[in-house]
PDB file of N, CA and C in Angstrom:
ATOM      1  N   CYS A   1      62.211 137.505   8.179  1.00  0.00           N
ATOM      2  CA  CYS A   1      61.298 137.646   9.180  1.00  0.00           C
ATOM      3  C   CYS A   1      61.571 138.902  10.215  1.00  0.00           C
ATOM      4  N   HIS A   2      60.697 139.363  10.730  1.00  0.00           N
ATOM      5  CA  HIS A   2      60.649 140.581  11.804  1.00  0.00           C
ATOM      6  C   HIS A   2      61.724 140.274  12.915  1.00  0.00           C
ATOM      7  N   CYS A   3      62.007 139.230  13.177  1.00  0.00           N
ATOM      8  CA  CYS A   3      63.044 138.592  14.296  1.00  0.00           C
ATOM      9  C   CYS A   3      64.687 138.698  13.702  1.00  0.00           C
ATOM     10  N   GLY A   4      64.513 138.941  12.292  1.00  0.00           N
ATOM     11  CA  GLY A   4      65.774 139.366  11.803  1.00  0.00           C
ATOM     12  C   GLY A   4      66.306 137.874  10.944  1.00  0.00           C
ATOM     13  N   PHE A   5      65.655 136.790  10.953  1.00  0.00           N
ATOM     14  CA  PHE A   5      66.281 135.674  10.527  1.00  0.00           C
ATOM     15  C   PHE A   5      66.002 135.689   9.045  1.00  0.00           C
ATOM     16  N   ASN A   6      66.879 135.186   8.155  1.00  0.00           N
ATOM     17  CA  ASN A   6      66.739 135.534   6.626  1.00  0.00           C
ATOM     18  C   ASN A   6      65.309 134.822   6.068  1.00  0.00           C
ATOM     19  N   GLU A   7      65.061 133.821   6.434  1.00  0.00           N
ATOM     20  CA  GLU A   7      63.858 133.284   5.844  1.00  0.00           C
ATOM     21  C   GLU A   7      62.737 133.065   6.520  1.00  0.00           C
ATOM     22  N   ALA A   8      61.637 133.418   6.474  1.00  0.00           N
ATOM     23  CA  ALA A   8      60.507 133.466   7.254  1.00  0.00           C
ATOM     24  C   ALA A   8      59.580 132.048   6.557  1.00  0.00           C
ATOM     25  N   ASP A   9      60.212 130.836   6.523  1.00  0.00           N
ATOM     26  CA  ASP A   9      59.617 129.899   5.786  1.00  0.00           C
ATOM     27  C   ASP A   9      58.402 129.250   6.913  1.00  0.00           C
ATOM     28  N   ASN A  10      57.827 128.125   6.492  1.00  0.00           N
ATOM     29  CA  ASN A  10      56.900 127.417   7.719  1.00  0.00           C
ATOM     30  C   ASN A  10      57.393 126.939   8.541  1.00  0.00           C
ATOM     31  N   ASN A  11      58.686 126.335   8.597  1.00  0.00           N
ATOM     32  CA  ASN A  11      59.408 125.570   9.786  1.00  0.00           C
ATOM     33  C   ASN A  11      59.723 126.936  10.653  1.00  0.00           C
ATOM     34  N   HIS A  12      60.502 128.089  10.274  1.00  0.00           N
ATOM     35  CA  HIS A  12      60.932 128.836  10.947  1.00  0.00           C
ATOM     36  C   HIS A  12      59.596 129.588  11.539  1.00  0.00           C
ATOM     37  N   PHE A  13      58.674 129.814  11.189  1.00  0.00           N
ATOM     38  CA  PHE A  13      57.335 130.386  11.709  1.00  0.00           C
ATOM     39  C   PHE A  13      56.910 129.709  12.858  1.00  0.00           C
ATOM     40  N   LEU A  14      56.929 128.134  12.214  1.00  0.00           N
ATOM     41  CA  LEU A  14      56.014 127.380  13.008  1.00  0.00           C
ATOM     42  C   LEU A  14      56.822 126.957  14.472  1.00  0.00           C
ATOM     43  N   LEU A  15      58.398 126.665  14.114  1.00  0.00           N
ATOM     44  CA  LEU A  15      58.593 125.919  15.041  1.00  0.00           C
ATOM     45  C   LEU A  15      60.236 126.623  15.680  1.00  0.00           C
ATOM     46  N   GLU A  16      60.267 127.850  15.173  1.00  0.00           N
ATOM     47  CA  GLU A  16      61.669 128.545  15.592  1.00  0.00           C
ATOM     48  C   GLU A  16      61.748 129.608  16.063  1.00  0.00           C
ATOM     49  N   CYS A  17      60.849 130.401  15.177  1.00  0.00           N
ATOM     50  CA  CYS A  17      60.892 132.041  15.644  1.00  0.00           C
ATOM     51  C   CYS A  17      60.842 132.403  16.770  1.00  0.00           C
ATOM     52  N   PRO A  18      61.791 133.113  17.470  1.00  0.00           N
ATOM     53  CA  PRO A  18      61.558 133.472  18.775  1.00  0.00           C
ATOM     54  C   PRO A  18      60.377 134.502  19.224  1.00  0.00           C
ATOM     55  N   LEU A  19      60.301 135.195  18.279  1.00  0.00           N
ATOM     56  CA  LEU A  19      58.880 136.172  18.210  1.00  0.00           C
ATOM     57  C   LEU A  19      57.683 135.402  18.848  1.00  0.00           C
ATOM     58  N   TYR A  20      57.216 134.104  18.595  1.00  0.00           N
ATOM     59  CA  TYR A  20      56.274 133.314  19.046  1.00  0.00           C
ATOM     60  C   TYR A  20      56.632 132.134  19.686  1.00  0.00           C
ATOM     61  N   GLU A  21      57.366 132.515  20.714  1.00  0.00           N
ATOM     62  CA  GLU A  21      57.946 131.661  21.788  1.00  0.00           C
ATOM     63  C   GLU A  21      56.920 131.049  22.554  1.00  0.00           C
ATOM     64  N   ASP A  22      55.888 131.767  23.166  1.00  0.00           N
ATOM     65  CA  ASP A  22      54.974 132.098  24.016  1.00  0.00           C
ATOM     66  C   ASP A  22      53.897 131.138  23.289  1.00  0.00           C
ATOM     67  N   LEU A  23      53.473 131.961  22.367  1.00  0.00           N
ATOM     68  CA  LEU A  23      52.434 130.928  21.512  1.00  0.00           C
ATOM     69  C   LEU A  23      52.711 129.652  20.893  1.00  0.00           C
ATOM     70  N   ARG A  24      53.863 129.591  20.779  1.00  0.00           N
ATOM     71  CA  ARG A  24      54.414 128.111  20.050  1.00  0.00           C
ATOM     72  C   ARG A  24      54.074 126.892  21.348  1.00  0.00           C
ATOM     73  N   ARG A  25      54.695 127.453  22.566  1.00  0.00           N
ATOM     74  CA  ARG A  25      54.412 126.794  23.601  1.00  0.00           C
ATOM     75  C   ARG A  25      53.294 126.159  24.062  1.00  0.00           C
ATOM     76  N   VAL A  26      52.142 127.151  23.830  1.00  0.00           N
ATOM     77  CA  VAL A  26      50.601 126.665  24.120  1.00  0.00           C
ATOM     78  C   VAL A  26      50.384 126.119  22.983  1.00  0.00           C
ATOM     79  N   MET A  27      50.514 125.970  21.831  1.00  0.00           N
ATOM     80  CA  MET A  27      50.542 125.103  20.634  1.00  0.00           C
ATOM     81  C   MET A  27      51.073 123.799  20.984  1.00  0.00           C
ATOM     82  N   ILE A  28      52.215 123.643  21.433  1.00  0.00           N
ATOM     83  CA  ILE A  28      52.972 122.327  21.474  1.00  0.00           C
ATOM     84  C   ILE A  28      52.187 121.680  22.349  1.00  0.00           C
ATOM     85  N   ARG A  29      52.018 122.480  23.504  1.00  0.00           N
ATOM     86  CA  ARG A  29      50.919 121.600  24.848  1.00  0.00           C
ATOM     87  C   ARG A  29      49.905 120.898  24.643  1.00  0.00           C
ATOM     88  N   ASP A  30      49.283 121.762  23.584  1.00  0.00           N
ATOM     89  CA  ASP A  30      47.948 121.113  23.175  1.00  0.00           C
ATOM     90  C   ASP A  30      48.044 119.976  22.267  1.00  0.00           C
ATOM     91  N   ILE A  31      49.252 120.184  21.611  1.00  0.00           N
ATOM     92  CA  ILE A  31      49.251 119.151  20.544  1.00  0.00           C
ATOM     93  C   ILE A  31      49.918 117.594  20.998  1.00  0.00           C
ATOM     94  N   LEU A  32      51.001 118.160  22.193  1.00  0.00           N
ATOM     95  CA  LEU A  32      51.126 116.869  22.948  1.00  0.00           C
ATOM     96  C   LEU A  32      50.420 115.941  23.355  1.00  0.00           C
ATOM     97  N   ASN A  33      49.071 116.401  23.546  1.00  0.00           N
ATOM     98  CA  ASN A  33      47.805 115.441  24.268  1.00  0.00           C
ATOM     99  C   ASN A  33      47.807 114.331  23.168  1.00  0.00           C
ATOM    100  N   VAL A  34      47.922 114.299  22.044  1.00  0.00           N
ATOM    101  CA  VAL A  34      47.818 113.583  21.035  1.00  0.00           C
ATOM    102  C   VAL A  34      48.803 112.929  20.077  1.00  0.00           C
ATOM    103  N   THR A  35      49.784 113.763  20.218  1.00  0.00           N
ATOM    104  CA  THR A  35      51.065 113.107  19.325  1.00  0.00           C
ATOM    105  C   THR A  35      52.646 113.768  19.855  1.00  0.00           C
ATOM    106  N   THR A  36      53.387 113.237  19.913  1.00  0.00           N
ATOM    107  CA  THR A  36      54.982 113.552  20.329  1.00  0.00           C
ATOM    108  C   THR A  36      55.492 114.300  18.906  1.00  0.00           C
ATOM    109  N   GLU A  37      55.136 113.808  17.733  1.00  0.00           N
ATOM    110  CA  GLU A  37      55.684 114.149  16.504  1.00  0.00           C
ATOM    111  C   GLU A  37      55.312 115.440  16.187  1.00  0.00           C
ATOM    112  N   ILE A  38      56.433 116.550  16.813  1.00  0.00           N
ATOM    113  CA  ILE A  38      56.098 117.931  16.501  1.00  0.00           C
ATOM    114  C   ILE A  38      56.956 118.241  15.199  1.00  0.00           C
ATOM    115  N   GLN A  39      56.765 118.030  14.049  1.00  0.00           N
ATOM    116  CA  GLN A  39      57.373 118.470  13.010  1.00  0.00           C
ATOM    117  C   GLN A  39      56.425 119.291  12.001  1.00  0.00           C
ATOM    118  N   CYS A  40      57.105 120.153  11.222  1.00  0.00           N
ATOM    119  CA  CYS A  40      56.402 121.235  10.342  1.00  0.00           C
ATOM    120  C   CYS A  40      55.308 120.440   9.455  1.00  0.00           C
ATOM    121  N   ASP A  41      55.900 119.373   8.596  1.00  0.00           N
ATOM    122  CA  ASP A  41      54.883 118.512   8.151  1.00  0.00           C
ATOM    123  C   ASP A  41      53.567 117.938   9.095  1.00  0.00           C
ATOM    124  N   THR A  42      53.874 117.500  10.043  1.00  0.00           N
ATOM    125  CA  THR A  42      52.719 116.932  10.958  1.00  0.00           C
ATOM    126  C   THR A  42      51.479 118.467  11.198  1.00  0.00           C
ATOM    127  N   LEU A  43      52.108 119.493  11.910  1.00  0.00           N
ATOM    128  CA  LEU A  43      51.479 120.706  12.113  1.00  0.00           C
ATOM    129  C   LEU A  43      50.860 121.135  10.586  1.00  0.00           C
ATOM    130  N   MET A  44      51.128 120.907   9.535  1.00  0.00           N
ATOM    131  CA  MET A  44      50.756 121.657   8.323  1.00  0.00           C
ATOM    132  C   MET A  44      49.489 120.682   7.603  1.00  0.00           C
ATOM    133  N   PHE A  45      49.892 119.262   7.683  1.00  0.00           N
ATOM    134  CA  PHE A  45      49.112 118.455   7.153  1.00  0.00           C
ATOM    135  C   PHE A  45      48.711 117.245   7.905  1.00  0.00           C
ATOM    136  N   GLY A  46      48.771 117.109   9.269  1.00  0.00           N
ATOM    137  CA  GLY A  46      48.317 116.165  10.015  1.00  0.00           C
ATOM    138  C   GLY A  46      49.164 114.851   9.762  1.00  0.00           C
ATOM    139  N   ASP A  47      48.644 113.998  10.292  1.00  0.00           N
ATOM    140  CA  ASP A  47      49.295 112.452  10.741  1.00  0.00           C
ATOM    141  C   ASP A  47      48.417 111.720  10.279  1.00  0.00           C
ATOM    142  N   GLU A  48      48.926 110.762   9.288  1.00  0.00           N
ATOM    143  CA  GLU A  48      48.016 109.600   8.815  1.00  0.00           C
ATOM    144  C   GLU A  48      47.676 108.820   9.655  1.00  0.00           C
ATOM    145  N   THR A  49      48.599 108.738  10.763  1.00  0.00           N
ATOM    146  CA  THR A  49      48.606 107.469  11.687  1.00  0.00           C
ATOM    147  C   THR A  49      47.648 107.645  13.179  1.00  0.00           C
ATOM    148  N   LEU A  50      47.262 108.939  12.860  1.00  0.00           N
ATOM    149  CA  LEU A  50      46.035 109.393  14.234  1.00  0.00           C
ATOM    150  C   LEU A  50      44.545 109.648  13.458  1.00  0.00           C
ATOM    151  N   THR A  51      44.025 109.480  14.558  1.00  0.00           N
ATOM    152  CA  THR A  51      42.585 109.413  13.902  1.00  0.00           C
ATOM    153  C   THR A  51      42.156 110.943  13.416  1.00  0.00           C
ATOM    154  N   PHE A  52      40.629 110.991  13.051  1.00  0.00           N
ATOM    155  CA  PHE A  52      40.448 112.268  12.437  1.00  0.00           C
ATOM    156  C   PHE A  52      40.387 113.053  13.737  1.00  0.00           C
ATOM    157  N   GLU A  53      39.859 112.736  14.745  1.00  0.00           N
ATOM    158  CA  GLU A  53      39.590 113.564  15.957  1.00  0.00           C
ATOM    159  C   GLU A  53      40.899 114.236  16.431  1.00  0.00           C
ATOM    160  N   GLU A  54      42.210 113.295  16.309  1.00  0.00           N
ATOM    161  CA  GLU A  54      43.375 113.669  16.874  1.00  0.00           C
ATOM    162  C   GLU A  54      44.095 114.797  15.899  1.00  0.00           C
ATOM    163  N   ASN A  55      43.527 114.516  14.711  1.00  0.00           N
ATOM    164  CA  ASN A  55      44.137 115.474  13.712  1.00  0.00           C
ATOM    165  C   ASN A  55      43.525 116.878  13.757  1.00  0.00           C
ATOM    166  N   ILE A  56      42.172 116.657  14.357  1.00  0.00           N
ATOM    167  CA  ILE A  56      41.464 118.209  14.523  1.00  0.00           C
ATOM    168  C   ILE A  56      42.175 118.658  15.707  1.00  0.00           C
ATOM    169  N   VAL A  57      42.402 118.289  16.595  1.00  0.00           N
ATOM    170  CA  VAL A  57      43.345 118.627  17.847  1.00  0.00           C
ATOM    171  C   VAL A  57      44.451 119.449  17.137  1.00  0.00           C
ATOM    172  N   ILE A  58      45.299 119.068  16.281  1.00  0.00           N
ATOM    173  CA  ILE A  58      46.321 119.579  15.720  1.00  0.00           C
ATOM    174  C   ILE A  58      46.141 120.775  15.148  1.00  0.00           C
ATOM    175  N   PHE A  59      45.242 120.455  14.170  1.00  0.00           N
ATOM    176  CA  PHE A  59      44.556 121.460  13.245  1.00  0.00           C
ATOM    177  C   PHE A  59      44.255 122.916  14.229  1.00  0.00           C
ATOM    178  N   SER A  60      43.452 122.432  15.317  1.00  0.00           N
ATOM    179  CA  SER A  60      42.889 123.656  16.011  1.00  0.00           C
ATOM    180  C   SER A  60      43.859 124.542  16.683  1.00  0.00           C
ATOM    181  N   ALA A  61      45.067 123.141  17.173  1.00  0.00           N
ATOM    182  CA  ALA A  61      46.002 124.345  17.954  1.00  0.00           C
ATOM    183  C   ALA A  61      46.942 125.253  16.884  1.00  0.00           C
ATOM    184  N   VAL A  62      47.014 124.783  15.636  1.00  0.00           N
ATOM    185  CA  VAL A  62      48.136 125.538  14.737  1.00  0.00           C
ATOM    186  C   VAL A  62      46.987 126.643  14.225  1.00  0.00           C
ATOM    187  N   HIS A  63      45.770 126.386  14.091  1.00  0.00           N
ATOM    188  CA  HIS A  63      45.085 127.395  13.640  1.00  0.00           C
ATOM    189  C   HIS A  63      44.939 128.791  14.856  1.00  0.00           C
ATOM    190  N   THR A  64      44.706 128.410  16.081  1.00  0.00           N
ATOM    191  CA  THR A  64      44.762 129.080  17.032  1.00  0.00           C
ATOM    192  C   THR A  64      46.188 130.261  17.247  1.00  0.00           C
ATOM    193  N   TYR A  65      47.447 129.270  16.802  1.00  0.00           N
ATOM    194  CA  TYR A  65      48.688 129.868  17.134  1.00  0.00           C
ATOM    195  C   TYR A  65      48.803 130.867  15.801  1.00  0.00           C
ATOM    196  N   ILE A  66      48.312 130.206  14.604  1.00  0.00           N
ATOM    197  CA  ILE A  66      48.255 131.418  13.762  1.00  0.00           C
ATOM    198  C   ILE A  66      47.646 132.790  13.924  1.00  0.00           C
ATOM    199  N   GLU A  67      46.402 132.633  14.413  1.00  0.00           N
ATOM    200  CA  GLU A  67      45.490 133.813  14.382  1.00  0.00           C
ATOM    201  C   GLU A  67      46.136 134.704  15.570  1.00  0.00           C
ATOM    202  N   ALA A  68      46.645 133.899  16.780  1.00  0.00           N
ATOM    203  CA  ALA A  68      47.166 134.744  17.698  1.00  0.00           C
ATOM    204  C   ALA A  68      48.483 135.212  17.428  1.00  0.00           C
ATOM    205  N   SER A  69      49.073 134.841  16.474  1.00  0.00           N
ATOM    206  CA  SER A  69      50.505 135.783  15.888  1.00  0.00           C
ATOM    207  C   SER A  69      50.152 136.876  15.253  1.00  0.00           C
ATOM    208  N   CYS A  70      48.911 137.243  14.739  1.00  0.00           N
ATOM    209  CA  CYS A  70      48.456 138.018  13.428  1.00  0.00           C
ATOM    210  C   CYS A  70      49.077 137.789  12.300  1.00  0.00           C
ATOM    211  N   ARG A  71      49.649 136.695  11.939  1.00  0.00           N
ATOM    212  CA  ARG A  71      50.406 136.545  10.810  1.00  0.00           C
ATOM    213  C   ARG A  71      49.648 136.154   9.728  1.00  0.00           C
ATOM    214  N   PHE A  72      48.369 136.355   9.203  1.00  0.00           N
ATOM    215  CA  PHE A  72      47.816 135.586   8.283  1.00  0.00           C
ATOM    216  C   PHE A  72      47.381 136.469   7.201  1.00  0.00           C
TER     217      PHE A  72
END
């Protein structure tokens, strides 16, 4: 990763990388409107216990995060 971390895996990119702290804060703020389960699997695959509409909120927040990071 450009931050110096050895592995740039999904968990690092979505939840840990210091380079995207501000973008992550916005993503998490938006997701907290529908769930408190902020885990890599939830961000990548949604949550079966949530409604379709709530999963769309998660998808949209993650999509916005990825686009804003320019890491696609």
